[in-house]
Amino acid sequence: FGGSEAIITALSDVFPVLRQHREWFVGILFSFYFIIGIPSCTNAGIYFVELLQNYAAFYSIIIAVLFEAIAVSWLYGIKRISEDIQEMLGTKPGKFWIITWCLVAPVFLGGIVVSGLIQHTHPNYGKSDDPFYYEYPKWSHVIGWMFALSSVICIPAVAIYQLIIERGNLSTVIRRKKKENL
């Protein structure tokens, strides 16, 4: 429910016409969810769910959190986030938190992503002596990676779009943004 509410609110903010027809929008969104969920209710449903579990759950969450850590600490700026925290809590975060947000978290999250990619094996269902053992075909791995990337591809796509609409080359834009954040 929480994820759906986030989608509804975000799209309603971008497209105000959806607010006027919220009931229709929510109905269409949940109908889409229903249609997408039908394969999991078939005899092959467990295989579909297992494929999603092996690809979409791990990579999309970890990569999204990595981008979030980088965006908050490096792009939004540690000075601004410290001021925001001081405004909310009455005290600035200590050096431990600043080092953790700027260095430790991105390095560890990046390490988890790289480690996951290195150790990735093609999923299968069950054990090899199990009568329900199933080894996924090669084309299913492509679908799995499409699911995994579909939720995180928007992050670099929007960043690239923002760099394109800004004036100047990449290094100029990065320097300008850093000055704004200091």
C-alpha atoms as a PDB file:
ATOM      1  CA  PHE A   1       0.000   0.000   0.000  1.00  0.00           C
ATOM      2  CA  GLY A   2       2.761   2.457   0.918  1.00  0.00           C
ATOM      3  CA  GLY A   3       4.544   1.978  -2.395  1.00  0.00           C
ATOM      4  CA  SER A   4       1.308   2.467  -4.292  1.00  0.00           C
ATOM      5  CA  GLU A   5       0.546   5.654  -2.384  1.00  0.00           C
ATOM      6  CA  ALA A   6       4.024   6.961  -3.254  1.00  0.00           C
ATOM      7  CA  ILE A   7       3.407   6.230  -6.949  1.00  0.00           C
ATOM      8  CA  ILE A   8      -0.043   7.827  -6.851  1.00  0.00           C
ATOM      9  CA  THR A   9       1.217  10.953  -5.073  1.00  0.00           C
ATOM     10  CA  ALA A  10       4.307  11.350  -7.270  1.00  0.00           C
ATOM     11  CA  LEU A  11       2.391  10.985 -10.529  1.00  0.00           C
ATOM     12  CA  SER A  12      -0.395  13.248  -9.258  1.00  0.00           C
ATOM     13  CA  ASP A  13       2.192  15.925  -8.470  1.00  0.00           C
ATOM     14  CA  VAL A  14       3.723  15.676 -11.940  1.00  0.00           C
ATOM     15  CA  PHE A  15       0.367  15.386 -13.738  1.00  0.00           C
ATOM     16  CA  PRO A  16      -2.185  17.471 -11.778  1.00  0.00           C
ATOM     17  CA  VAL A  17      -5.034  16.229 -13.987  1.00  0.00           C
ATOM     18  CA  LEU A  18      -4.710  12.865 -12.199  1.00  0.00           C
ATOM     19  CA  ARG A  19      -5.725  14.514  -8.913  1.00  0.00           C
ATOM     20  CA  GLN A  20      -9.032  15.501 -10.443  1.00  0.00           C
ATOM     21  CA  HIS A  21      -9.670  11.887 -11.465  1.00  0.00           C
ATOM     22  CA  ARG A  22      -7.972  10.135  -8.545  1.00  0.00           C
ATOM     23  CA  GLU A  23     -10.513   7.298  -8.308  1.00  0.00           C
ATOM     24  CA  TRP A  24     -10.070   6.414 -11.978  1.00  0.00           C
ATOM     25  CA  PHE A  25      -6.308   6.673 -11.725  1.00  0.00           C
ATOM     26  CA  VAL A  26      -6.150   4.420  -8.650  1.00  0.00           C
ATOM     27  CA  GLY A  27      -8.538   1.956 -10.302  1.00  0.00           C
ATOM     28  CA  ILE A  28      -6.400   1.778 -13.441  1.00  0.00           C
ATOM     29  CA  LEU A  29      -3.201   1.433 -11.401  1.00  0.00           C
ATOM     30  CA  PHE A  30      -4.572  -1.430  -9.318  1.00  0.00           C
ATOM     31  CA  SER A  31      -6.023  -3.088 -12.409  1.00  0.00           C
ATOM     32  CA  PHE A  32      -2.503  -2.992 -13.827  1.00  0.00           C
ATOM     33  CA  TYR A  33      -1.213  -4.586 -10.602  1.00  0.00           C
ATOM     34  CA  PHE A  34      -3.886  -7.262 -10.911  1.00  0.00           C
ATOM     35  CA  ILE A  35      -2.966  -8.081 -14.511  1.00  0.00           C
ATOM     36  CA  ILE A  36       0.748  -8.184 -13.671  1.00  0.00           C
ATOM     37  CA  GLY A  37      -0.001 -10.502 -10.731  1.00  0.00           C
ATOM     38  CA  ILE A  38      -2.009 -13.057 -12.729  1.00  0.00           C
ATOM     39  CA  PRO A  39       1.067 -15.105 -13.783  1.00  0.00           C
ATOM     40  CA  SER A  40       1.920 -15.703 -10.127  1.00  0.00           C
ATOM     41  CA  CYS A  41      -1.475 -17.413  -9.662  1.00  0.00           C
ATOM     42  CA  THR A  42      -0.865 -20.067 -12.320  1.00  0.00           C
ATOM     43  CA  ASN A  43       0.892 -23.415 -11.933  1.00  0.00           C
ATOM     44  CA  ALA A  44       4.107 -21.698 -12.998  1.00  0.00           C
ATOM     45  CA  GLY A  45       3.567 -18.885 -10.484  1.00  0.00           C
ATOM     46  CA  ILE A  46       6.243 -20.020  -8.062  1.00  0.00           C
ATOM     47  CA  TYR A  47       8.812 -19.968 -10.856  1.00  0.00           C
ATOM     48  CA  PHE A  48       7.782 -16.436 -11.816  1.00  0.00           C
ATOM     49  CA  VAL A  49       7.981 -15.262  -8.193  1.00  0.00           C
ATOM     50  CA  GLU A  50      11.356 -16.966  -7.738  1.00  0.00           C
ATOM     51  CA  LEU A  51      12.703 -15.253 -10.863  1.00  0.00           C
ATOM     52  CA  LEU A  52      11.590 -11.866  -9.530  1.00  0.00           C
ATOM     53  CA  GLN A  53      13.067 -12.682  -6.130  1.00  0.00           C
ATOM     54  CA  ASN A  54      16.439 -13.550  -7.650  1.00  0.00           C
ATOM     55  CA  TYR A  55      16.707 -10.467  -9.825  1.00  0.00           C
ATOM     56  CA  ALA A  56      14.404  -7.604  -8.942  1.00  0.00           C
ATOM     57  CA  ALA A  57      14.444  -7.716  -5.152  1.00  0.00           C
ATOM     58  CA  PHE A  58      18.185  -7.590  -4.510  1.00  0.00           C
ATOM     59  CA  TYR A  59      19.664  -5.458  -7.267  1.00  0.00           C
ATOM     60  CA  SER A  60      16.976  -2.805  -7.553  1.00  0.00           C
ATOM     61  CA  ILE A  61      16.881  -2.068  -3.823  1.00  0.00           C
ATOM     62  CA  ILE A  62      20.651  -1.996  -3.276  1.00  0.00           C
ATOM     63  CA  ILE A  63      21.332   0.113  -6.379  1.00  0.00           C
ATOM     64  CA  ALA A  64      18.540   2.565  -5.484  1.00  0.00           C
ATOM     65  CA  VAL A  65      19.939   2.947  -1.955  1.00  0.00           C
ATOM     66  CA  LEU A  66      23.449   3.467  -3.378  1.00  0.00           C
ATOM     67  CA  PHE A  67      22.196   6.258  -5.648  1.00  0.00           C
ATOM     68  CA  GLU A  68      20.257   7.748  -2.729  1.00  0.00           C
ATOM     69  CA  ALA A  69      23.323   7.759  -0.465  1.00  0.00           C
ATOM     70  CA  ILE A  70      25.394   9.451  -3.163  1.00  0.00           C
ATOM     71  CA  ALA A  71      22.671  11.968  -3.991  1.00  0.00           C
ATOM     72  CA  VAL A  72      22.056  12.984  -0.387  1.00  0.00           C
ATOM     73  CA  SER A  73      25.660  13.216   0.785  1.00  0.00           C
ATOM     74  CA  TRP A  74      27.430  14.401  -2.351  1.00  0.00           C
ATOM     75  CA  LEU A  75      24.850  16.207  -4.478  1.00  0.00           C
ATOM     76  CA  TYR A  76      22.460  17.651  -1.899  1.00  0.00           C
ATOM     77  CA  GLY A  77      25.491  18.260   0.231  1.00  0.00           C
ATOM     78  CA  ILE A  78      26.569  17.232   3.675  1.00  0.00           C
ATOM     79  CA  LYS A  79      26.386  20.844   4.859  1.00  0.00           C
ATOM     80  CA  ARG A  80      22.743  21.156   3.848  1.00  0.00           C
ATOM     81  CA  ILE A  81      21.736  17.778   5.270  1.00  0.00           C
ATOM     82  CA  SER A  82      23.527  18.646   8.543  1.00  0.00           C
ATOM     83  CA  GLU A  83      21.625  21.932   8.738  1.00  0.00           C
ATOM     84  CA  ASP A  84      18.350  20.116   8.043  1.00  0.00           C
ATOM     85  CA  ILE A  85      19.060  17.607  10.804  1.00  0.00           C
ATOM     86  CA  GLN A  86      19.981  20.406  13.206  1.00  0.00           C
ATOM     87  CA  GLU A  87      16.701  22.146  12.399  1.00  0.00           C
ATOM     88  CA  MET A  88      14.747  18.940  13.091  1.00  0.00           C
ATOM     89  CA  LEU A  89      16.662  17.597  16.111  1.00  0.00           C
ATOM     90  CA  GLY A  90      18.310  20.683  17.568  1.00  0.00           C
ATOM     91  CA  THR A  91      21.847  19.339  17.160  1.00  0.00           C
ATOM     92  CA  LYS A  92      24.165  18.830  14.215  1.00  0.00           C
ATOM     93  CA  PRO A  93      25.303  15.308  13.384  1.00  0.00           C
ATOM     94  CA  GLY A  94      28.792  14.384  14.552  1.00  0.00           C
ATOM     95  CA  LYS A  95      31.808  13.537  12.424  1.00  0.00           C
ATOM     96  CA  PHE A  96      31.005   9.815  12.681  1.00  0.00           C
ATOM     97  CA  TRP A  97      27.714  10.306  10.835  1.00  0.00           C
ATOM     98  CA  ILE A  98      29.212  12.645   8.268  1.00  0.00           C
ATOM     99  CA  ILE A  99      32.016  10.177   7.460  1.00  0.00           C
ATOM    100  CA  THR A 100      29.511   7.316   7.369  1.00  0.00           C
ATOM    101  CA  TRP A 101      27.161   9.119   4.972  1.00  0.00           C
ATOM    102  CA  CYS A 102      29.885  10.490   2.683  1.00  0.00           C
ATOM    103  CA  LEU A 103      32.317   7.587   2.539  1.00  0.00           C
ATOM    104  CA  VAL A 104      31.418   4.415   4.394  1.00  0.00           C
ATOM    105  CA  ALA A 105      27.850   3.929   3.148  1.00  0.00           C
ATOM    106  CA  PRO A 106      28.583   4.512  -0.571  1.00  0.00           C
ATOM    107  CA  VAL A 107      31.704   2.310  -0.451  1.00  0.00           C
ATOM    108  CA  PHE A 108      29.919  -0.532   1.341  1.00  0.00           C
ATOM    109  CA  LEU A 109      26.837  -0.313  -0.876  1.00  0.00           C
ATOM    110  CA  GLY A 110      29.009  -0.225  -3.988  1.00  0.00           C
ATOM    111  CA  GLY A 111      30.909  -3.227  -2.647  1.00  0.00           C
ATOM    112  CA  ILE A 112      27.662  -5.110  -2.080  1.00  0.00           C
ATOM    113  CA  VAL A 113      26.551  -4.403  -5.660  1.00  0.00           C
ATOM    114  CA  VAL A 114      29.898  -5.494  -7.124  1.00  0.00           C
ATOM    115  CA  SER A 115      30.019  -8.570  -4.888  1.00  0.00           C
ATOM    116  CA  GLY A 116      26.473  -9.500  -5.881  1.00  0.00           C
ATOM    117  CA  LEU A 117      27.327  -9.176  -9.560  1.00  0.00           C
ATOM    118  CA  ILE A 118      30.497 -11.250  -9.184  1.00  0.00           C
ATOM    119  CA  GLN A 119      28.786 -13.985  -7.182  1.00  0.00           C
ATOM    120  CA  HIS A 120      25.621 -13.976  -9.270  1.00  0.00           C
ATOM    121  CA  THR A 121      24.569 -17.394 -10.489  1.00  0.00           C
ATOM    122  CA  HIS A 122      21.692 -18.218 -12.752  1.00  0.00           C
ATOM    123  CA  PRO A 123      18.738 -19.050 -10.553  1.00  0.00           C
ATOM    124  CA  ASN A 124      17.032 -22.389 -10.392  1.00  0.00           C
ATOM    125  CA  TYR A 125      14.137 -23.671  -8.360  1.00  0.00           C
ATOM    126  CA  GLY A 126      14.543 -26.515  -5.896  1.00  0.00           C
ATOM    127  CA  LYS A 127      17.367 -28.996  -5.487  1.00  0.00           C
ATOM    128  CA  SER A 128      18.660 -31.110  -8.347  1.00  0.00           C
ATOM    129  CA  ASP A 129      17.134 -34.309  -6.894  1.00  0.00           C
ATOM    130  CA  ASP A 130      13.757 -32.632  -6.310  1.00  0.00           C
ATOM    131  CA  PRO A 131      11.003 -33.667  -8.759  1.00  0.00           C
ATOM    132  CA  PHE A 132      10.028 -29.979  -9.059  1.00  0.00           C
ATOM    133  CA  TYR A 133      13.592 -28.879  -9.833  1.00  0.00           C
ATOM    134  CA  TYR A 134      13.638 -26.309 -12.608  1.00  0.00           C
ATOM    135  CA  GLU A 135      16.549 -24.612 -14.307  1.00  0.00           C
ATOM    136  CA  TYR A 136      15.525 -21.352 -15.889  1.00  0.00           C
ATOM    137  CA  PRO A 137      16.130 -20.978 -19.645  1.00  0.00           C
ATOM    138  CA  LYS A 138      18.548 -18.335 -20.909  1.00  0.00           C
ATOM    139  CA  TRP A 139      15.784 -16.003 -22.128  1.00  0.00           C
ATOM    140  CA  SER A 140      14.358 -15.834 -18.601  1.00  0.00           C
ATOM    141  CA  HIS A 141      17.623 -14.296 -17.371  1.00  0.00           C
ATOM    142  CA  VAL A 142      17.149 -11.458 -19.848  1.00  0.00           C
ATOM    143  CA  ILE A 143      13.657 -10.891 -18.464  1.00  0.00           C
ATOM    144  CA  GLY A 144      15.057 -11.042 -14.923  1.00  0.00           C
ATOM    145  CA  TRP A 145      17.659  -8.384 -15.682  1.00  0.00           C
ATOM    146  CA  MET A 146      15.003  -6.247 -17.376  1.00  0.00           C
ATOM    147  CA  PHE A 147      12.939  -6.402 -14.171  1.00  0.00           C
ATOM    148  CA  ALA A 148      15.990  -5.594 -12.059  1.00  0.00           C
ATOM    149  CA  LEU A 149      16.986  -2.603 -14.174  1.00  0.00           C
ATOM    150  CA  SER A 150      13.491  -1.274 -14.859  1.00  0.00           C
ATOM    151  CA  SER A 151      13.157   0.317 -11.450  1.00  0.00           C
ATOM    152  CA  VAL A 152      16.647   1.825 -11.229  1.00  0.00           C
ATOM    153  CA  ILE A 153      17.250   2.921 -14.820  1.00  0.00           C
ATOM    154  CA  CYS A 154      15.160   6.021 -14.133  1.00  0.00           C
ATOM    155  CA  ILE A 155      17.746   7.338 -11.665  1.00  0.00           C
ATOM    156  CA  PRO A 156      20.672   7.770 -14.080  1.00  0.00           C
ATOM    157  CA  ALA A 157      18.244   8.646 -16.892  1.00  0.00           C
ATOM    158  CA  VAL A 158      16.911  11.639 -14.939  1.00  0.00           C
ATOM    159  CA  ALA A 159      20.458  12.625 -13.927  1.00  0.00           C
ATOM    160  CA  ILE A 160      21.573  12.553 -17.562  1.00  0.00           C
ATOM    161  CA  TYR A 161      18.493  14.541 -18.580  1.00  0.00           C
ATOM    162  CA  GLN A 162      19.257  17.178 -15.934  1.00  0.00           C
ATOM    163  CA  LEU A 163      22.855  17.412 -17.159  1.00  0.00           C
ATOM    164  CA  ILE A 164      21.626  17.864 -20.729  1.00  0.00           C
ATOM    165  CA  ILE A 165      19.252  20.721 -19.870  1.00  0.00           C
ATOM    166  CA  GLU A 166      21.856  22.517 -17.716  1.00  0.00           C
ATOM    167  CA  ARG A 167      24.095  24.991 -19.482  1.00  0.00           C
ATOM    168  CA  GLY A 168      27.738  24.014 -19.917  1.00  0.00           C
ATOM    169  CA  ASN A 169      29.689  20.803 -20.158  1.00  0.00           C
ATOM    170  CA  LEU A 170      29.741  18.029 -17.546  1.00  0.00           C
ATOM    171  CA  SER A 171      32.654  19.375 -15.495  1.00  0.00           C
ATOM    172  CA  THR A 172      31.151  22.884 -15.445  1.00  0.00           C
ATOM    173  CA  VAL A 173      27.792  21.590 -14.241  1.00  0.00           C
ATOM    174  CA  ILE A 174      29.414  19.439 -11.534  1.00  0.00           C
ATOM    175  CA  ARG A 175      31.555  22.364 -10.319  1.00  0.00           C
ATOM    176  CA  ARG A 176      28.513  24.655 -10.245  1.00  0.00           C
ATOM    177  CA  LYS A 177      26.458  22.106  -8.287  1.00  0.00           C
ATOM    178  CA  LYS A 178      29.282  21.559  -5.791  1.00  0.00           C
ATOM    179  CA  LYS A 179      29.546  25.314  -5.179  1.00  0.00           C
ATOM    180  CA  GLU A 180      25.793  25.465  -4.608  1.00  0.00           C
ATOM    181  CA  ASN A 181      26.087  22.664  -2.022  1.00  0.00           C
ATOM    182  CA  LEU A 182      29.024  24.084  -0.032  1.00  0.00           C
END
